[in-house]
């Protein structure tokens, strides 16, 4: 959006690690 997005960062190093985070 014109005003941008603001959010917390979550870090992963693989697609498998991303999948394991689930709802987080």
PDBML (XML) file of the C-alpha atoms, coordinates in Angstrom:
<?xml version="1.0" encoding="UTF-8" ?>
<PDBx:datablock datablockName="MODEL"
   xmlns:PDBx="http://pdbml.pdb.org/schema/pdbx-v50.xsd"
   xmlns:xsi="http://www.w3.org/2001/XMLSchema-instance"
   xsi:schemaLocation="http://pdbml.pdb.org/schema/pdbx-v50.xsd pdbx-v50.xsd">
   <PDBx:atom_siteCategory>
      <PDBx:atom_site id="1">
         <PDBx:B_iso_or_equiv>0.00</PDBx:B_iso_or_equiv>
         <PDBx:Cartn_x>0.000</PDBx:Cartn_x>
         <PDBx:Cartn_y>0.000</PDBx:Cartn_y>
         <PDBx:Cartn_z>0.000</PDBx:Cartn_z>
         <PDBx:auth_asym_id>A</PDBx:auth_asym_id>
         <PDBx:auth_atom_id>CA</PDBx:auth_atom_id>
         <PDBx:auth_comp_id>UNK</PDBx:auth_comp_id>
         <PDBx:auth_seq_id>1</PDBx:auth_seq_id>
         <PDBx:group_PDB>ATOM</PDBx:group_PDB>
         <PDBx:label_alt_id xsi:nil="true" />
         <PDBx:label_asym_id>A</PDBx:label_asym_id>
         <PDBx:label_atom_id>CA</PDBx:label_atom_id>
         <PDBx:label_comp_id>UNK</PDBx:label_comp_id>
         <PDBx:label_entity_id>1</PDBx:label_entity_id>
         <PDBx:label_seq_id>1</PDBx:label_seq_id>
         <PDBx:occupancy>1.00</PDBx:occupancy>
         <PDBx:pdbx_PDB_model_num>1</PDBx:pdbx_PDB_model_num>
         <PDBx:type_symbol>C</PDBx:type_symbol>
      </PDBx:atom_site>
      <PDBx:atom_site id="2">
         <PDBx:B_iso_or_equiv>0.00</PDBx:B_iso_or_equiv>
         <PDBx:Cartn_x>1.195</PDBx:Cartn_x>
         <PDBx:Cartn_y>3.612</PDBx:Cartn_y>
         <PDBx:Cartn_z>-0.443</PDBx:Cartn_z>
         <PDBx:auth_asym_id>A</PDBx:auth_asym_id>
         <PDBx:auth_atom_id>CA</PDBx:auth_atom_id>
         <PDBx:auth_comp_id>UNK</PDBx:auth_comp_id>
         <PDBx:auth_seq_id>2</PDBx:auth_seq_id>
         <PDBx:group_PDB>ATOM</PDBx:group_PDB>
         <PDBx:label_alt_id xsi:nil="true" />
         <PDBx:label_asym_id>A</PDBx:label_asym_id>
         <PDBx:label_atom_id>CA</PDBx:label_atom_id>
         <PDBx:label_comp_id>UNK</PDBx:label_comp_id>
         <PDBx:label_entity_id>1</PDBx:label_entity_id>
         <PDBx:label_seq_id>2</PDBx:label_seq_id>
         <PDBx:occupancy>1.00</PDBx:occupancy>
         <PDBx:pdbx_PDB_model_num>1</PDBx:pdbx_PDB_model_num>
         <PDBx:type_symbol>C</PDBx:type_symbol>
      </PDBx:atom_site>
      <PDBx:atom_site id="3">
         <PDBx:B_iso_or_equiv>0.00</PDBx:B_iso_or_equiv>
         <PDBx:Cartn_x>1.881</PDBx:Cartn_x>
         <PDBx:Cartn_y>3.854</PDBx:Cartn_y>
         <PDBx:Cartn_z>3.288</PDBx:Cartn_z>
         <PDBx:auth_asym_id>A</PDBx:auth_asym_id>
         <PDBx:auth_atom_id>CA</PDBx:auth_atom_id>
         <PDBx:auth_comp_id>UNK</PDBx:auth_comp_id>
         <PDBx:auth_seq_id>3</PDBx:auth_seq_id>
         <PDBx:group_PDB>ATOM</PDBx:group_PDB>
         <PDBx:label_alt_id xsi:nil="true" />
         <PDBx:label_asym_id>A</PDBx:label_asym_id>
         <PDBx:label_atom_id>CA</PDBx:label_atom_id>
         <PDBx:label_comp_id>UNK</PDBx:label_comp_id>
         <PDBx:label_entity_id>1</PDBx:label_entity_id>
         <PDBx:label_seq_id>3</PDBx:label_seq_id>
         <PDBx:occupancy>1.00</PDBx:occupancy>
         <PDBx:pdbx_PDB_model_num>1</PDBx:pdbx_PDB_model_num>
         <PDBx:type_symbol>C</PDBx:type_symbol>
      </PDBx:atom_site>
      <PDBx:atom_site id="4">
         <PDBx:B_iso_or_equiv>0.00</PDBx:B_iso_or_equiv>
         <PDBx:Cartn_x>3.869</PDBx:Cartn_x>
         <PDBx:Cartn_y>0.618</PDBx:Cartn_y>
         <PDBx:Cartn_z>3.214</PDBx:Cartn_z>
         <PDBx:auth_asym_id>A</PDBx:auth_asym_id>
         <PDBx:auth_atom_id>CA</PDBx:auth_atom_id>
         <PDBx:auth_comp_id>UNK</PDBx:auth_comp_id>
         <PDBx:auth_seq_id>4</PDBx:auth_seq_id>
         <PDBx:group_PDB>ATOM</PDBx:group_PDB>
         <PDBx:label_alt_id xsi:nil="true" />
         <PDBx:label_asym_id>A</PDBx:label_asym_id>
         <PDBx:label_atom_id>CA</PDBx:label_atom_id>
         <PDBx:label_comp_id>UNK</PDBx:label_comp_id>
         <PDBx:label_entity_id>1</PDBx:label_entity_id>
         <PDBx:label_seq_id>4</PDBx:label_seq_id>
         <PDBx:occupancy>1.00</PDBx:occupancy>
         <PDBx:pdbx_PDB_model_num>1</PDBx:pdbx_PDB_model_num>
         <PDBx:type_symbol>C</PDBx:type_symbol>
      </PDBx:atom_site>
      <PDBx:atom_site id="5">
         <PDBx:B_iso_or_equiv>0.00</PDBx:B_iso_or_equiv>
         <PDBx:Cartn_x>3.627</PDBx:Cartn_x>
         <PDBx:Cartn_y>-2.452</PDBx:Cartn_y>
         <PDBx:Cartn_z>5.431</PDBx:Cartn_z>
         <PDBx:auth_asym_id>A</PDBx:auth_asym_id>
         <PDBx:auth_atom_id>CA</PDBx:auth_atom_id>
         <PDBx:auth_comp_id>UNK</PDBx:auth_comp_id>
         <PDBx:auth_seq_id>5</PDBx:auth_seq_id>
         <PDBx:group_PDB>ATOM</PDBx:group_PDB>
         <PDBx:label_alt_id xsi:nil="true" />
         <PDBx:label_asym_id>A</PDBx:label_asym_id>
         <PDBx:label_atom_id>CA</PDBx:label_atom_id>
         <PDBx:label_comp_id>UNK</PDBx:label_comp_id>
         <PDBx:label_entity_id>1</PDBx:label_entity_id>
         <PDBx:label_seq_id>5</PDBx:label_seq_id>
         <PDBx:occupancy>1.00</PDBx:occupancy>
         <PDBx:pdbx_PDB_model_num>1</PDBx:pdbx_PDB_model_num>
         <PDBx:type_symbol>C</PDBx:type_symbol>
      </PDBx:atom_site>
      <PDBx:atom_site id="6">
         <PDBx:B_iso_or_equiv>0.00</PDBx:B_iso_or_equiv>
         <PDBx:Cartn_x>4.919</PDBx:Cartn_x>
         <PDBx:Cartn_y>-2.717</PDBx:Cartn_y>
         <PDBx:Cartn_z>8.984</PDBx:Cartn_z>
         <PDBx:auth_asym_id>A</PDBx:auth_asym_id>
         <PDBx:auth_atom_id>CA</PDBx:auth_atom_id>
         <PDBx:auth_comp_id>UNK</PDBx:auth_comp_id>
         <PDBx:auth_seq_id>6</PDBx:auth_seq_id>
         <PDBx:group_PDB>ATOM</PDBx:group_PDB>
         <PDBx:label_alt_id xsi:nil="true" />
         <PDBx:label_asym_id>A</PDBx:label_asym_id>
         <PDBx:label_atom_id>CA</PDBx:label_atom_id>
         <PDBx:label_comp_id>UNK</PDBx:label_comp_id>
         <PDBx:label_entity_id>1</PDBx:label_entity_id>
         <PDBx:label_seq_id>6</PDBx:label_seq_id>
         <PDBx:occupancy>1.00</PDBx:occupancy>
         <PDBx:pdbx_PDB_model_num>1</PDBx:pdbx_PDB_model_num>
         <PDBx:type_symbol>C</PDBx:type_symbol>
      </PDBx:atom_site>
      <PDBx:atom_site id="7">
         <PDBx:B_iso_or_equiv>0.00</PDBx:B_iso_or_equiv>
         <PDBx:Cartn_x>5.445</PDBx:Cartn_x>
         <PDBx:Cartn_y>-6.101</PDBx:Cartn_y>
         <PDBx:Cartn_z>10.603</PDBx:Cartn_z>
         <PDBx:auth_asym_id>A</PDBx:auth_asym_id>
         <PDBx:auth_atom_id>CA</PDBx:auth_atom_id>
         <PDBx:auth_comp_id>UNK</PDBx:auth_comp_id>
         <PDBx:auth_seq_id>7</PDBx:auth_seq_id>
         <PDBx:group_PDB>ATOM</PDBx:group_PDB>
         <PDBx:label_alt_id xsi:nil="true" />
         <PDBx:label_asym_id>A</PDBx:label_asym_id>
         <PDBx:label_atom_id>CA</PDBx:label_atom_id>
         <PDBx:label_comp_id>UNK</PDBx:label_comp_id>
         <PDBx:label_entity_id>1</PDBx:label_entity_id>
         <PDBx:label_seq_id>7</PDBx:label_seq_id>
         <PDBx:occupancy>1.00</PDBx:occupancy>
         <PDBx:pdbx_PDB_model_num>1</PDBx:pdbx_PDB_model_num>
         <PDBx:type_symbol>C</PDBx:type_symbol>
      </PDBx:atom_site>
      <PDBx:atom_site id="8">
         <PDBx:B_iso_or_equiv>0.00</PDBx:B_iso_or_equiv>
         <PDBx:Cartn_x>7.696</PDBx:Cartn_x>
         <PDBx:Cartn_y>-8.216</PDBx:Cartn_y>
         <PDBx:Cartn_z>12.786</PDBx:Cartn_z>
         <PDBx:auth_asym_id>A</PDBx:auth_asym_id>
         <PDBx:auth_atom_id>CA</PDBx:auth_atom_id>
         <PDBx:auth_comp_id>UNK</PDBx:auth_comp_id>
         <PDBx:auth_seq_id>8</PDBx:auth_seq_id>
         <PDBx:group_PDB>ATOM</PDBx:group_PDB>
         <PDBx:label_alt_id xsi:nil="true" />
         <PDBx:label_asym_id>A</PDBx:label_asym_id>
         <PDBx:label_atom_id>CA</PDBx:label_atom_id>
         <PDBx:label_comp_id>UNK</PDBx:label_comp_id>
         <PDBx:label_entity_id>1</PDBx:label_entity_id>
         <PDBx:label_seq_id>8</PDBx:label_seq_id>
         <PDBx:occupancy>1.00</PDBx:occupancy>
         <PDBx:pdbx_PDB_model_num>1</PDBx:pdbx_PDB_model_num>
         <PDBx:type_symbol>C</PDBx:type_symbol>
      </PDBx:atom_site>
      <PDBx:atom_site id="9">
         <PDBx:B_iso_or_equiv>0.00</PDBx:B_iso_or_equiv>
         <PDBx:Cartn_x>10.441</PDBx:Cartn_x>
         <PDBx:Cartn_y>-10.215</PDBx:Cartn_y>
         <PDBx:Cartn_z>11.109</PDBx:Cartn_z>
         <PDBx:auth_asym_id>A</PDBx:auth_asym_id>
         <PDBx:auth_atom_id>CA</PDBx:auth_atom_id>
         <PDBx:auth_comp_id>UNK</PDBx:auth_comp_id>
         <PDBx:auth_seq_id>9</PDBx:auth_seq_id>
         <PDBx:group_PDB>ATOM</PDBx:group_PDB>
         <PDBx:label_alt_id xsi:nil="true" />
         <PDBx:label_asym_id>A</PDBx:label_asym_id>
         <PDBx:label_atom_id>CA</PDBx:label_atom_id>
         <PDBx:label_comp_id>UNK</PDBx:label_comp_id>
         <PDBx:label_entity_id>1</PDBx:label_entity_id>
         <PDBx:label_seq_id>9</PDBx:label_seq_id>
         <PDBx:occupancy>1.00</PDBx:occupancy>
         <PDBx:pdbx_PDB_model_num>1</PDBx:pdbx_PDB_model_num>
         <PDBx:type_symbol>C</PDBx:type_symbol>
      </PDBx:atom_site>
      <PDBx:atom_site id="10">
         <PDBx:B_iso_or_equiv>0.00</PDBx:B_iso_or_equiv>
         <PDBx:Cartn_x>10.789</PDBx:Cartn_x>
         <PDBx:Cartn_y>-13.985</PDBx:Cartn_y>
         <PDBx:Cartn_z>11.303</PDBx:Cartn_z>
         <PDBx:auth_asym_id>A</PDBx:auth_asym_id>
         <PDBx:auth_atom_id>CA</PDBx:auth_atom_id>
         <PDBx:auth_comp_id>UNK</PDBx:auth_comp_id>
         <PDBx:auth_seq_id>10</PDBx:auth_seq_id>
         <PDBx:group_PDB>ATOM</PDBx:group_PDB>
         <PDBx:label_alt_id xsi:nil="true" />
         <PDBx:label_asym_id>A</PDBx:label_asym_id>
         <PDBx:label_atom_id>CA</PDBx:label_atom_id>
         <PDBx:label_comp_id>UNK</PDBx:label_comp_id>
         <PDBx:label_entity_id>1</PDBx:label_entity_id>
         <PDBx:label_seq_id>10</PDBx:label_seq_id>
         <PDBx:occupancy>1.00</PDBx:occupancy>
         <PDBx:pdbx_PDB_model_num>1</PDBx:pdbx_PDB_model_num>
         <PDBx:type_symbol>C</PDBx:type_symbol>
      </PDBx:atom_site>
      <PDBx:atom_site id="11">
         <PDBx:B_iso_or_equiv>0.00</PDBx:B_iso_or_equiv>
         <PDBx:Cartn_x>13.984</PDBx:Cartn_x>
         <PDBx:Cartn_y>-15.544</PDBx:Cartn_y>
         <PDBx:Cartn_z>9.953</PDBx:Cartn_z>
         <PDBx:auth_asym_id>A</PDBx:auth_asym_id>
         <PDBx:auth_atom_id>CA</PDBx:auth_atom_id>
         <PDBx:auth_comp_id>UNK</PDBx:auth_comp_id>
         <PDBx:auth_seq_id>11</PDBx:auth_seq_id>
         <PDBx:group_PDB>ATOM</PDBx:group_PDB>
         <PDBx:label_alt_id xsi:nil="true" />
         <PDBx:label_asym_id>A</PDBx:label_asym_id>
         <PDBx:label_atom_id>CA</PDBx:label_atom_id>
         <PDBx:label_comp_id>UNK</PDBx:label_comp_id>
         <PDBx:label_entity_id>1</PDBx:label_entity_id>
         <PDBx:label_seq_id>11</PDBx:label_seq_id>
         <PDBx:occupancy>1.00</PDBx:occupancy>
         <PDBx:pdbx_PDB_model_num>1</PDBx:pdbx_PDB_model_num>
         <PDBx:type_symbol>C</PDBx:type_symbol>
      </PDBx:atom_site>
      <PDBx:atom_site id="12">
         <PDBx:B_iso_or_equiv>0.00</PDBx:B_iso_or_equiv>
         <PDBx:Cartn_x>14.391</PDBx:Cartn_x>
         <PDBx:Cartn_y>-18.863</PDBx:Cartn_y>
         <PDBx:Cartn_z>8.144</PDBx:Cartn_z>
         <PDBx:auth_asym_id>A</PDBx:auth_asym_id>
         <PDBx:auth_atom_id>CA</PDBx:auth_atom_id>
         <PDBx:auth_comp_id>UNK</PDBx:auth_comp_id>
         <PDBx:auth_seq_id>12</PDBx:auth_seq_id>
         <PDBx:group_PDB>ATOM</PDBx:group_PDB>
         <PDBx:label_alt_id xsi:nil="true" />
         <PDBx:label_asym_id>A</PDBx:label_asym_id>
         <PDBx:label_atom_id>CA</PDBx:label_atom_id>
         <PDBx:label_comp_id>UNK</PDBx:label_comp_id>
         <PDBx:label_entity_id>1</PDBx:label_entity_id>
         <PDBx:label_seq_id>12</PDBx:label_seq_id>
         <PDBx:occupancy>1.00</PDBx:occupancy>
         <PDBx:pdbx_PDB_model_num>1</PDBx:pdbx_PDB_model_num>
         <PDBx:type_symbol>C</PDBx:type_symbol>
      </PDBx:atom_site>
      <PDBx:atom_site id="13">
         <PDBx:B_iso_or_equiv>0.00</PDBx:B_iso_or_equiv>
         <PDBx:Cartn_x>17.195</PDBx:Cartn_x>
         <PDBx:Cartn_y>-20.408</PDBx:Cartn_y>
         <PDBx:Cartn_z>6.117</PDBx:Cartn_z>
         <PDBx:auth_asym_id>A</PDBx:auth_asym_id>
         <PDBx:auth_atom_id>CA</PDBx:auth_atom_id>
         <PDBx:auth_comp_id>UNK</PDBx:auth_comp_id>
         <PDBx:auth_seq_id>13</PDBx:auth_seq_id>
         <PDBx:group_PDB>ATOM</PDBx:group_PDB>
         <PDBx:label_alt_id xsi:nil="true" />
         <PDBx:label_asym_id>A</PDBx:label_asym_id>
         <PDBx:label_atom_id>CA</PDBx:label_atom_id>
         <PDBx:label_comp_id>UNK</PDBx:label_comp_id>
         <PDBx:label_entity_id>1</PDBx:label_entity_id>
         <PDBx:label_seq_id>13</PDBx:label_seq_id>
         <PDBx:occupancy>1.00</PDBx:occupancy>
         <PDBx:pdbx_PDB_model_num>1</PDBx:pdbx_PDB_model_num>
         <PDBx:type_symbol>C</PDBx:type_symbol>
      </PDBx:atom_site>
      <PDBx:atom_site id="14">
         <PDBx:B_iso_or_equiv>0.00</PDBx:B_iso_or_equiv>
         <PDBx:Cartn_x>15.234</PDBx:Cartn_x>
         <PDBx:Cartn_y>-22.943</PDBx:Cartn_y>
         <PDBx:Cartn_z>4.064</PDBx:Cartn_z>
         <PDBx:auth_asym_id>A</PDBx:auth_asym_id>
         <PDBx:auth_atom_id>CA</PDBx:auth_atom_id>
         <PDBx:auth_comp_id>UNK</PDBx:auth_comp_id>
         <PDBx:auth_seq_id>14</PDBx:auth_seq_id>
         <PDBx:group_PDB>ATOM</PDBx:group_PDB>
         <PDBx:label_alt_id xsi:nil="true" />
         <PDBx:label_asym_id>A</PDBx:label_asym_id>
         <PDBx:label_atom_id>CA</PDBx:label_atom_id>
         <PDBx:label_comp_id>UNK</PDBx:label_comp_id>
         <PDBx:label_entity_id>1</PDBx:label_entity_id>
         <PDBx:label_seq_id>14</PDBx:label_seq_id>
         <PDBx:occupancy>1.00</PDBx:occupancy>
         <PDBx:pdbx_PDB_model_num>1</PDBx:pdbx_PDB_model_num>
         <PDBx:type_symbol>C</PDBx:type_symbol>
      </PDBx:atom_site>
      <PDBx:atom_site id="15">
         <PDBx:B_iso_or_equiv>0.00</PDBx:B_iso_or_equiv>
         <PDBx:Cartn_x>11.788</PDBx:Cartn_x>
         <PDBx:Cartn_y>-23.649</PDBx:Cartn_y>
         <PDBx:Cartn_z>2.701</PDBx:Cartn_z>
         <PDBx:auth_asym_id>A</PDBx:auth_asym_id>
         <PDBx:auth_atom_id>CA</PDBx:auth_atom_id>
         <PDBx:auth_comp_id>UNK</PDBx:auth_comp_id>
         <PDBx:auth_seq_id>15</PDBx:auth_seq_id>
         <PDBx:group_PDB>ATOM</PDBx:group_PDB>
         <PDBx:label_alt_id xsi:nil="true" />
         <PDBx:label_asym_id>A</PDBx:label_asym_id>
         <PDBx:label_atom_id>CA</PDBx:label_atom_id>
         <PDBx:label_comp_id>UNK</PDBx:label_comp_id>
         <PDBx:label_entity_id>1</PDBx:label_entity_id>
         <PDBx:label_seq_id>15</PDBx:label_seq_id>
         <PDBx:occupancy>1.00</PDBx:occupancy>
         <PDBx:pdbx_PDB_model_num>1</PDBx:pdbx_PDB_model_num>
         <PDBx:type_symbol>C</PDBx:type_symbol>
      </PDBx:atom_site>
      <PDBx:atom_site id="16">
         <PDBx:B_iso_or_equiv>0.00</PDBx:B_iso_or_equiv>
         <PDBx:Cartn_x>11.558</PDBx:Cartn_x>
         <PDBx:Cartn_y>-26.609</PDBx:Cartn_y>
         <PDBx:Cartn_z>5.072</PDBx:Cartn_z>
         <PDBx:auth_asym_id>A</PDBx:auth_asym_id>
         <PDBx:auth_atom_id>CA</PDBx:auth_atom_id>
         <PDBx:auth_comp_id>UNK</PDBx:auth_comp_id>
         <PDBx:auth_seq_id>16</PDBx:auth_seq_id>
         <PDBx:group_PDB>ATOM</PDBx:group_PDB>
         <PDBx:label_alt_id xsi:nil="true" />
         <PDBx:label_asym_id>A</PDBx:label_asym_id>
         <PDBx:label_atom_id>CA</PDBx:label_atom_id>
         <PDBx:label_comp_id>UNK</PDBx:label_comp_id>
         <PDBx:label_entity_id>1</PDBx:label_entity_id>
         <PDBx:label_seq_id>16</PDBx:label_seq_id>
         <PDBx:occupancy>1.00</PDBx:occupancy>
         <PDBx:pdbx_PDB_model_num>1</PDBx:pdbx_PDB_model_num>
         <PDBx:type_symbol>C</PDBx:type_symbol>
      </PDBx:atom_site>
      <PDBx:atom_site id="17">
         <PDBx:B_iso_or_equiv>0.00</PDBx:B_iso_or_equiv>
         <PDBx:Cartn_x>12.231</PDBx:Cartn_x>
         <PDBx:Cartn_y>-24.339</PDBx:Cartn_y>
         <PDBx:Cartn_z>8.046</PDBx:Cartn_z>
         <PDBx:auth_asym_id>A</PDBx:auth_asym_id>
         <PDBx:auth_atom_id>CA</PDBx:auth_atom_id>
         <PDBx:auth_comp_id>UNK</PDBx:auth_comp_id>
         <PDBx:auth_seq_id>17</PDBx:auth_seq_id>
         <PDBx:group_PDB>ATOM</PDBx:group_PDB>
         <PDBx:label_alt_id xsi:nil="true" />
         <PDBx:label_asym_id>A</PDBx:label_asym_id>
         <PDBx:label_atom_id>CA</PDBx:label_atom_id>
         <PDBx:label_comp_id>UNK</PDBx:label_comp_id>
         <PDBx:label_entity_id>1</PDBx:label_entity_id>
         <PDBx:label_seq_id>17</PDBx:label_seq_id>
         <PDBx:occupancy>1.00</PDBx:occupancy>
         <PDBx:pdbx_PDB_model_num>1</PDBx:pdbx_PDB_model_num>
         <PDBx:type_symbol>C</PDBx:type_symbol>
      </PDBx:atom_site>
      <PDBx:atom_site id="18">
         <PDBx:B_iso_or_equiv>0.00</PDBx:B_iso_or_equiv>
         <PDBx:Cartn_x>9.534</PDBx:Cartn_x>
         <PDBx:Cartn_y>-21.982</PDBx:Cartn_y>
         <PDBx:Cartn_z>6.798</PDBx:Cartn_z>
         <PDBx:auth_asym_id>A</PDBx:auth_asym_id>
         <PDBx:auth_atom_id>CA</PDBx:auth_atom_id>
         <PDBx:auth_comp_id>UNK</PDBx:auth_comp_id>
         <PDBx:auth_seq_id>18</PDBx:auth_seq_id>
         <PDBx:group_PDB>ATOM</PDBx:group_PDB>
         <PDBx:label_alt_id xsi:nil="true" />
         <PDBx:label_asym_id>A</PDBx:label_asym_id>
         <PDBx:label_atom_id>CA</PDBx:label_atom_id>
         <PDBx:label_comp_id>UNK</PDBx:label_comp_id>
         <PDBx:label_entity_id>1</PDBx:label_entity_id>
         <PDBx:label_seq_id>18</PDBx:label_seq_id>
         <PDBx:occupancy>1.00</PDBx:occupancy>
         <PDBx:pdbx_PDB_model_num>1</PDBx:pdbx_PDB_model_num>
         <PDBx:type_symbol>C</PDBx:type_symbol>
      </PDBx:atom_site>
      <PDBx:atom_site id="19">
         <PDBx:B_iso_or_equiv>0.00</PDBx:B_iso_or_equiv>
         <PDBx:Cartn_x>6.999</PDBx:Cartn_x>
         <PDBx:Cartn_y>-24.814</PDBx:Cartn_y>
         <PDBx:Cartn_z>6.612</PDBx:Cartn_z>
         <PDBx:auth_asym_id>A</PDBx:auth_asym_id>
         <PDBx:auth_atom_id>CA</PDBx:auth_atom_id>
         <PDBx:auth_comp_id>UNK</PDBx:auth_comp_id>
         <PDBx:auth_seq_id>19</PDBx:auth_seq_id>
         <PDBx:group_PDB>ATOM</PDBx:group_PDB>
         <PDBx:label_alt_id xsi:nil="true" />
         <PDBx:label_asym_id>A</PDBx:label_asym_id>
         <PDBx:label_atom_id>CA</PDBx:label_atom_id>
         <PDBx:label_comp_id>UNK</PDBx:label_comp_id>
         <PDBx:label_entity_id>1</PDBx:label_entity_id>
         <PDBx:label_seq_id>19</PDBx:label_seq_id>
         <PDBx:occupancy>1.00</PDBx:occupancy>
         <PDBx:pdbx_PDB_model_num>1</PDBx:pdbx_PDB_model_num>
         <PDBx:type_symbol>C</PDBx:type_symbol>
      </PDBx:atom_site>
      <PDBx:atom_site id="20">
         <PDBx:B_iso_or_equiv>0.00</PDBx:B_iso_or_equiv>
         <PDBx:Cartn_x>7.887</PDBx:Cartn_x>
         <PDBx:Cartn_y>-25.937</PDBx:Cartn_y>
         <PDBx:Cartn_z>10.135</PDBx:Cartn_z>
         <PDBx:auth_asym_id>A</PDBx:auth_asym_id>
         <PDBx:auth_atom_id>CA</PDBx:auth_atom_id>
         <PDBx:auth_comp_id>UNK</PDBx:auth_comp_id>
         <PDBx:auth_seq_id>20</PDBx:auth_seq_id>
         <PDBx:group_PDB>ATOM</PDBx:group_PDB>
         <PDBx:label_alt_id xsi:nil="true" />
         <PDBx:label_asym_id>A</PDBx:label_asym_id>
         <PDBx:label_atom_id>CA</PDBx:label_atom_id>
         <PDBx:label_comp_id>UNK</PDBx:label_comp_id>
         <PDBx:label_entity_id>1</PDBx:label_entity_id>
         <PDBx:label_seq_id>20</PDBx:label_seq_id>
         <PDBx:occupancy>1.00</PDBx:occupancy>
         <PDBx:pdbx_PDB_model_num>1</PDBx:pdbx_PDB_model_num>
         <PDBx:type_symbol>C</PDBx:type_symbol>
      </PDBx:atom_site>
      <PDBx:atom_site id="21">
         <PDBx:B_iso_or_equiv>0.00</PDBx:B_iso_or_equiv>
         <PDBx:Cartn_x>6.982</PDBx:Cartn_x>
         <PDBx:Cartn_y>-22.513</PDBx:Cartn_y>
         <PDBx:Cartn_z>11.595</PDBx:Cartn_z>
         <PDBx:auth_asym_id>A</PDBx:auth_asym_id>
         <PDBx:auth_atom_id>CA</PDBx:auth_atom_id>
         <PDBx:auth_comp_id>UNK</PDBx:auth_comp_id>
         <PDBx:auth_seq_id>21</PDBx:auth_seq_id>
         <PDBx:group_PDB>ATOM</PDBx:group_PDB>
         <PDBx:label_alt_id xsi:nil="true" />
         <PDBx:label_asym_id>A</PDBx:label_asym_id>
         <PDBx:label_atom_id>CA</PDBx:label_atom_id>
         <PDBx:label_comp_id>UNK</PDBx:label_comp_id>
         <PDBx:label_entity_id>1</PDBx:label_entity_id>
         <PDBx:label_seq_id>21</PDBx:label_seq_id>
         <PDBx:occupancy>1.00</PDBx:occupancy>
         <PDBx:pdbx_PDB_model_num>1</PDBx:pdbx_PDB_model_num>
         <PDBx:type_symbol>C</PDBx:type_symbol>
      </PDBx:atom_site>
      <PDBx:atom_site id="22">
         <PDBx:B_iso_or_equiv>0.00</PDBx:B_iso_or_equiv>
         <PDBx:Cartn_x>3.313</PDBx:Cartn_x>
         <PDBx:Cartn_y>-22.966</PDBx:Cartn_y>
         <PDBx:Cartn_z>10.764</PDBx:Cartn_z>
         <PDBx:auth_asym_id>A</PDBx:auth_asym_id>
         <PDBx:auth_atom_id>CA</PDBx:auth_atom_id>
         <PDBx:auth_comp_id>UNK</PDBx:auth_comp_id>
         <PDBx:auth_seq_id>22</PDBx:auth_seq_id>
         <PDBx:group_PDB>ATOM</PDBx:group_PDB>
         <PDBx:label_alt_id xsi:nil="true" />
         <PDBx:label_asym_id>A</PDBx:label_asym_id>
         <PDBx:label_atom_id>CA</PDBx:label_atom_id>
         <PDBx:label_comp_id>UNK</PDBx:label_comp_id>
         <PDBx:label_entity_id>1</PDBx:label_entity_id>
         <PDBx:label_seq_id>22</PDBx:label_seq_id>
         <PDBx:occupancy>1.00</PDBx:occupancy>
         <PDBx:pdbx_PDB_model_num>1</PDBx:pdbx_PDB_model_num>
         <PDBx:type_symbol>C</PDBx:type_symbol>
      </PDBx:atom_site>
      <PDBx:atom_site id="23">
         <PDBx:B_iso_or_equiv>0.00</PDBx:B_iso_or_equiv>
         <PDBx:Cartn_x>1.084</PDBx:Cartn_x>
         <PDBx:Cartn_y>-20.165</PDBx:Cartn_y>
         <PDBx:Cartn_z>12.065</PDBx:Cartn_z>
         <PDBx:auth_asym_id>A</PDBx:auth_asym_id>
         <PDBx:auth_atom_id>CA</PDBx:auth_atom_id>
         <PDBx:auth_comp_id>UNK</PDBx:auth_comp_id>
         <PDBx:auth_seq_id>23</PDBx:auth_seq_id>
         <PDBx:group_PDB>ATOM</PDBx:group_PDB>
         <PDBx:label_alt_id xsi:nil="true" />
         <PDBx:label_asym_id>A</PDBx:label_asym_id>
         <PDBx:label_atom_id>CA</PDBx:label_atom_id>
         <PDBx:label_comp_id>UNK</PDBx:label_comp_id>
         <PDBx:label_entity_id>1</PDBx:label_entity_id>
         <PDBx:label_seq_id>23</PDBx:label_seq_id>
         <PDBx:occupancy>1.00</PDBx:occupancy>
         <PDBx:pdbx_PDB_model_num>1</PDBx:pdbx_PDB_model_num>
         <PDBx:type_symbol>C</PDBx:type_symbol>
      </PDBx:atom_site>
      <PDBx:atom_site id="24">
         <PDBx:B_iso_or_equiv>0.00</PDBx:B_iso_or_equiv>
         <PDBx:Cartn_x>4.067</PDBx:Cartn_x>
         <PDBx:Cartn_y>-18.189</PDBx:Cartn_y>
         <PDBx:Cartn_z>13.381</PDBx:Cartn_z>
         <PDBx:auth_asym_id>A</PDBx:auth_asym_id>
         <PDBx:auth_atom_id>CA</PDBx:auth_atom_id>
         <PDBx:auth_comp_id>UNK</PDBx:auth_comp_id>
         <PDBx:auth_seq_id>24</PDBx:auth_seq_id>
         <PDBx:group_PDB>ATOM</PDBx:group_PDB>
         <PDBx:label_alt_id xsi:nil="true" />
         <PDBx:label_asym_id>A</PDBx:label_asym_id>
         <PDBx:label_atom_id>CA</PDBx:label_atom_id>
         <PDBx:label_comp_id>UNK</PDBx:label_comp_id>
         <PDBx:label_entity_id>1</PDBx:label_entity_id>
         <PDBx:label_seq_id>24</PDBx:label_seq_id>
         <PDBx:occupancy>1.00</PDBx:occupancy>
         <PDBx:pdbx_PDB_model_num>1</PDBx:pdbx_PDB_model_num>
         <PDBx:type_symbol>C</PDBx:type_symbol>
      </PDBx:atom_site>
   </PDBx:atom_siteCategory>
</PDBx:datablock>
